[in-house]
Amino acid sequence: FAKAGEAAQKGIAFDPAQEWIKTNLASSYLFTGQWDKAKAIYLELKDKTYNEKKFRDIFLEDLNALEKAGITHPDTAKVRELLKEP
């Protein structure tokens, strides 16, 4: 996840308009124990739309895919709570 975070940061630096890259950065922060940084991205993007889909749903799909692959983190419950529909 650290390498994924580095790649995401490079991508964002190259083209900051590509907000979807931040989904990878949020996962990187989450799985490397940087909850505050991950939370900031989740809150920033959760209600925005990308390709007619809410980032909230994209984040949750990513978490589901990781968990299905056996990759978990204790803070995923906090993410799910944070991303609940208002």
N, C-alpha and C. Protein backbone atom coordinates (compact mmCIF):
# COMPACT_ATOMS: atom_id res chain seq x y z
N PHE A 1 0.81 -1.20 0.00
CA PHE A 1 0.00 0.00 0.00
C PHE A 1 0.85 1.26 0.00
N ALA A 2 2.05 1.18 0.57
CA ALA A 2 2.93 2.34 0.55
C ALA A 2 3.33 2.70 -0.88
N LYS A 3 3.66 1.68 -1.69
CA LYS A 3 4.03 1.94 -3.08
C LYS A 3 2.84 2.47 -3.87
N ALA A 4 1.66 1.96 -3.59
CA ALA A 4 0.46 2.47 -4.26
C ALA A 4 0.23 3.93 -3.91
N GLY A 5 0.50 4.28 -2.66
CA GLY A 5 0.36 5.67 -2.23
C GLY A 5 1.34 6.58 -2.95
N GLU A 6 2.58 6.10 -3.10
CA GLU A 6 3.58 6.89 -3.82
C GLU A 6 3.16 7.10 -5.27
N ALA A 7 2.67 6.06 -5.91
CA ALA A 7 2.22 6.17 -7.30
C ALA A 7 1.04 7.13 -7.40
N ALA A 8 0.12 7.06 -6.45
CA ALA A 8 -1.04 7.96 -6.46
C ALA A 8 -0.60 9.41 -6.30
N GLN A 9 0.33 9.65 -5.41
CA GLN A 9 0.82 11.02 -5.21
C GLN A 9 1.47 11.56 -6.47
N LYS A 10 2.22 10.73 -7.17
CA LYS A 10 2.83 11.15 -8.43
C LYS A 10 1.76 11.47 -9.46
N GLY A 11 0.74 10.63 -9.53
CA GLY A 11 -0.35 10.86 -10.48
C GLY A 11 -1.09 12.16 -10.19
N ILE A 12 -1.35 12.42 -8.93
CA ILE A 12 -2.04 13.65 -8.54
C ILE A 12 -1.17 14.86 -8.85
N ALA A 13 0.13 14.75 -8.59
CA ALA A 13 1.03 15.85 -8.89
C ALA A 13 1.07 16.13 -10.40
N PHE A 14 1.00 15.07 -11.20
CA PHE A 14 1.02 15.21 -12.65
C PHE A 14 -0.27 15.83 -13.17
N ASP A 15 -1.40 15.42 -12.62
CA ASP A 15 -2.70 15.93 -13.08
C ASP A 15 -3.68 16.00 -11.91
N PRO A 16 -3.65 17.11 -11.15
CA PRO A 16 -4.51 17.24 -9.98
C PRO A 16 -6.01 17.16 -10.28
N ALA A 17 -6.40 17.36 -11.52
CA ALA A 17 -7.82 17.31 -11.87
C ALA A 17 -8.37 15.87 -11.85
N GLN A 18 -7.50 14.90 -11.85
CA GLN A 18 -7.92 13.50 -11.85
C GLN A 18 -8.20 13.03 -10.42
N GLU A 19 -9.34 13.45 -9.90
CA GLU A 19 -9.66 13.17 -8.50
C GLU A 19 -9.79 11.67 -8.20
N TRP A 20 -10.10 10.87 -9.21
CA TRP A 20 -10.25 9.44 -8.98
C TRP A 20 -8.98 8.81 -8.42
N ILE A 21 -7.83 9.41 -8.71
CA ILE A 21 -6.57 8.88 -8.20
C ILE A 21 -6.56 8.91 -6.67
N LYS A 22 -7.29 9.85 -6.11
CA LYS A 22 -7.33 9.96 -4.65
C LYS A 22 -8.00 8.76 -3.99
N THR A 23 -8.78 7.99 -4.75
CA THR A 23 -9.36 6.78 -4.15
C THR A 23 -8.25 5.80 -3.79
N ASN A 24 -7.24 5.71 -4.63
CA ASN A 24 -6.09 4.85 -4.34
C ASN A 24 -5.27 5.41 -3.18
N LEU A 25 -5.15 6.72 -3.14
CA LEU A 25 -4.40 7.35 -2.06
C LEU A 25 -5.10 7.12 -0.73
N ALA A 26 -6.42 7.24 -0.71
CA ALA A 26 -7.17 7.00 0.53
C ALA A 26 -6.95 5.58 1.03
N SER A 27 -7.01 4.61 0.13
CA SER A 27 -6.77 3.21 0.52
C SER A 27 -5.36 3.04 1.06
N SER A 28 -4.41 3.67 0.41
CA SER A 28 -3.02 3.60 0.86
C SER A 28 -2.89 4.15 2.28
N TYR A 29 -3.47 5.31 2.49
CA TYR A 29 -3.42 5.90 3.84
C TYR A 29 -4.10 5.00 4.87
N LEU A 30 -5.27 4.49 4.52
CA LEU A 30 -6.00 3.63 5.44
C LEU A 30 -5.18 2.42 5.85
N PHE A 31 -4.64 1.73 4.86
CA PHE A 31 -3.94 0.48 5.13
C PHE A 31 -2.51 0.66 5.62
N THR A 32 -2.03 1.89 5.67
CA THR A 32 -0.72 2.15 6.28
C THR A 32 -0.87 2.89 7.60
N GLY A 33 -2.10 2.89 8.14
CA GLY A 33 -2.32 3.45 9.48
C GLY A 33 -2.38 4.95 9.56
N GLN A 34 -2.68 5.59 8.45
CA GLN A 34 -2.76 7.07 8.44
C GLN A 34 -4.23 7.49 8.34
N TRP A 35 -5.00 7.14 9.36
CA TRP A 35 -6.44 7.35 9.37
C TRP A 35 -6.83 8.80 9.09
N ASP A 36 -6.18 9.76 9.71
CA ASP A 36 -6.58 11.16 9.53
C ASP A 36 -6.46 11.60 8.07
N LYS A 37 -5.41 11.16 7.40
CA LYS A 37 -5.25 11.51 5.99
C LYS A 37 -6.28 10.80 5.13
N ALA A 38 -6.54 9.55 5.42
CA ALA A 38 -7.56 8.80 4.67
C ALA A 38 -8.93 9.44 4.88
N LYS A 39 -9.25 9.74 6.11
CA LYS A 39 -10.54 10.34 6.45
C LYS A 39 -10.75 11.65 5.69
N ALA A 40 -9.71 12.46 5.60
CA ALA A 40 -9.83 13.74 4.89
C ALA A 40 -10.22 13.52 3.43
N ILE A 41 -9.65 12.52 2.80
CA ILE A 41 -9.99 12.24 1.39
C ILE A 41 -11.41 11.69 1.28
N TYR A 42 -11.76 10.78 2.17
CA TYR A 42 -13.14 10.26 2.15
C TYR A 42 -14.15 11.38 2.28
N LEU A 43 -13.91 12.28 3.22
CA LEU A 43 -14.84 13.39 3.43
C LEU A 43 -14.85 14.36 2.26
N GLU A 44 -13.69 14.60 1.67
CA GLU A 44 -13.59 15.51 0.53
C GLU A 44 -14.38 15.02 -0.68
N LEU A 45 -14.33 13.72 -0.93
CA LEU A 45 -14.88 13.19 -2.17
C LEU A 45 -16.20 12.46 -2.06
N LYS A 46 -16.60 12.02 -0.89
CA LYS A 46 -17.71 11.06 -0.77
C LYS A 46 -18.99 11.48 -1.48
N ASP A 47 -19.29 12.76 -1.54
CA ASP A 47 -20.53 13.21 -2.16
C ASP A 47 -20.34 13.69 -3.60
N LYS A 48 -19.11 13.68 -4.08
CA LYS A 48 -18.85 14.07 -5.46
C LYS A 48 -19.12 12.88 -6.38
N THR A 49 -19.27 13.19 -7.65
CA THR A 49 -19.57 12.16 -8.65
C THR A 49 -18.41 12.00 -9.62
N TYR A 50 -18.17 10.75 -10.00
CA TYR A 50 -17.17 10.42 -11.02
C TYR A 50 -17.82 9.41 -11.96
N ASN A 51 -17.89 9.74 -13.23
CA ASN A 51 -18.53 8.86 -14.22
C ASN A 51 -19.92 8.41 -13.77
N GLU A 52 -20.71 9.38 -13.34
CA GLU A 52 -22.10 9.16 -12.93
C GLU A 52 -22.25 8.27 -11.70
N LYS A 53 -21.19 8.15 -10.92
CA LYS A 53 -21.23 7.32 -9.72
C LYS A 53 -20.65 8.14 -8.56
N LYS A 54 -21.26 8.05 -7.41
CA LYS A 54 -20.74 8.75 -6.23
C LYS A 54 -19.43 8.10 -5.79
N PHE A 55 -18.49 8.96 -5.40
CA PHE A 55 -17.24 8.43 -4.87
C PHE A 55 -17.51 7.54 -3.66
N ARG A 56 -18.53 7.87 -2.87
CA ARG A 56 -18.90 7.06 -1.71
C ARG A 56 -19.04 5.58 -2.14
N ASP A 57 -19.73 5.36 -3.25
CA ASP A 57 -19.94 3.99 -3.73
C ASP A 57 -18.65 3.37 -4.25
N ILE A 58 -17.83 4.17 -4.88
CA ILE A 58 -16.53 3.68 -5.38
C ILE A 58 -15.65 3.24 -4.21
N PHE A 59 -15.60 4.06 -3.17
CA PHE A 59 -14.82 3.71 -1.97
C PHE A 59 -15.31 2.40 -1.37
N LEU A 60 -16.62 2.25 -1.26
CA LEU A 60 -17.18 1.04 -0.66
C LEU A 60 -16.93 -0.18 -1.53
N GLU A 61 -17.02 -0.02 -2.84
CA GLU A 61 -16.71 -1.14 -3.75
C GLU A 61 -15.25 -1.57 -3.59
N ASP A 62 -14.36 -0.59 -3.46
CA ASP A 62 -12.94 -0.91 -3.27
C ASP A 62 -12.74 -1.70 -1.97
N LEU A 63 -13.37 -1.24 -0.89
CA LEU A 63 -13.24 -1.94 0.39
C LEU A 63 -13.78 -3.36 0.29
N ASN A 64 -14.93 -3.50 -0.37
CA ASN A 64 -15.52 -4.84 -0.53
C ASN A 64 -14.59 -5.76 -1.30
N ALA A 65 -13.98 -5.25 -2.37
CA ALA A 65 -13.07 -6.07 -3.18
C ALA A 65 -11.84 -6.48 -2.37
N LEU A 66 -11.30 -5.55 -1.59
CA LEU A 66 -10.14 -5.88 -0.77
C LEU A 66 -10.50 -6.92 0.29
N GLU A 67 -11.63 -6.72 0.93
CA GLU A 67 -12.05 -7.69 1.96
C GLU A 67 -12.31 -9.06 1.35
N LYS A 68 -12.90 -9.09 0.17
CA LYS A 68 -13.14 -10.36 -0.51
C LYS A 68 -11.83 -11.08 -0.81
N ALA A 69 -10.77 -10.29 -1.04
CA ALA A 69 -9.45 -10.85 -1.30
C ALA A 69 -8.70 -11.18 -0.01
N GLY A 70 -9.36 -10.95 1.13
CA GLY A 70 -8.73 -11.26 2.42
C GLY A 70 -7.88 -10.14 2.98
N ILE A 71 -8.00 -8.96 2.43
CA ILE A 71 -7.22 -7.81 2.89
C ILE A 71 -8.12 -6.92 3.73
N THR A 72 -7.82 -6.85 5.02
CA THR A 72 -8.65 -6.08 5.93
C THR A 72 -7.80 -5.16 6.80
N HIS A 73 -8.48 -4.26 7.48
CA HIS A 73 -7.84 -3.35 8.42
C HIS A 73 -8.89 -2.99 9.47
N PRO A 74 -8.48 -2.83 10.71
CA PRO A 74 -9.45 -2.50 11.75
C PRO A 74 -10.24 -1.21 11.50
N ASP A 75 -9.68 -0.28 10.76
CA ASP A 75 -10.35 1.00 10.53
C ASP A 75 -11.38 0.96 9.39
N THR A 76 -11.54 -0.17 8.72
CA THR A 76 -12.53 -0.20 7.64
C THR A 76 -13.94 0.03 8.19
N ALA A 77 -14.20 -0.38 9.41
CA ALA A 77 -15.51 -0.12 10.01
C ALA A 77 -15.75 1.38 10.14
N LYS A 78 -14.69 2.12 10.49
CA LYS A 78 -14.81 3.58 10.59
C LYS A 78 -15.10 4.20 9.22
N VAL A 79 -14.49 3.65 8.19
CA VAL A 79 -14.72 4.15 6.84
C VAL A 79 -16.18 3.93 6.45
N ARG A 80 -16.66 2.72 6.70
CA ARG A 80 -18.06 2.41 6.36
C ARG A 80 -19.03 3.34 7.09
N GLU A 81 -18.74 3.62 8.34
CA GLU A 81 -19.59 4.52 9.12
C GLU A 81 -19.53 5.94 8.54
N LEU A 82 -18.35 6.37 8.18
CA LEU A 82 -18.14 7.71 7.63
C LEU A 82 -18.86 7.88 6.29
N LEU A 83 -18.94 6.82 5.52
CA LEU A 83 -19.51 6.89 4.18
C LEU A 83 -21.01 6.60 4.12
N LYS A 84 -21.63 6.37 5.26
CA LYS A 84 -23.07 6.12 5.26
C LYS A 84 -23.81 7.27 4.61
N GLU A 85 -24.89 6.92 3.95
CA GLU A 85 -25.74 7.96 3.34
C GLU A 85 -26.25 8.87 4.45
N PRO A 86 -26.33 10.18 4.16
CA PRO A 86 -26.84 11.11 5.19
C PRO A 86 -28.31 10.87 5.49
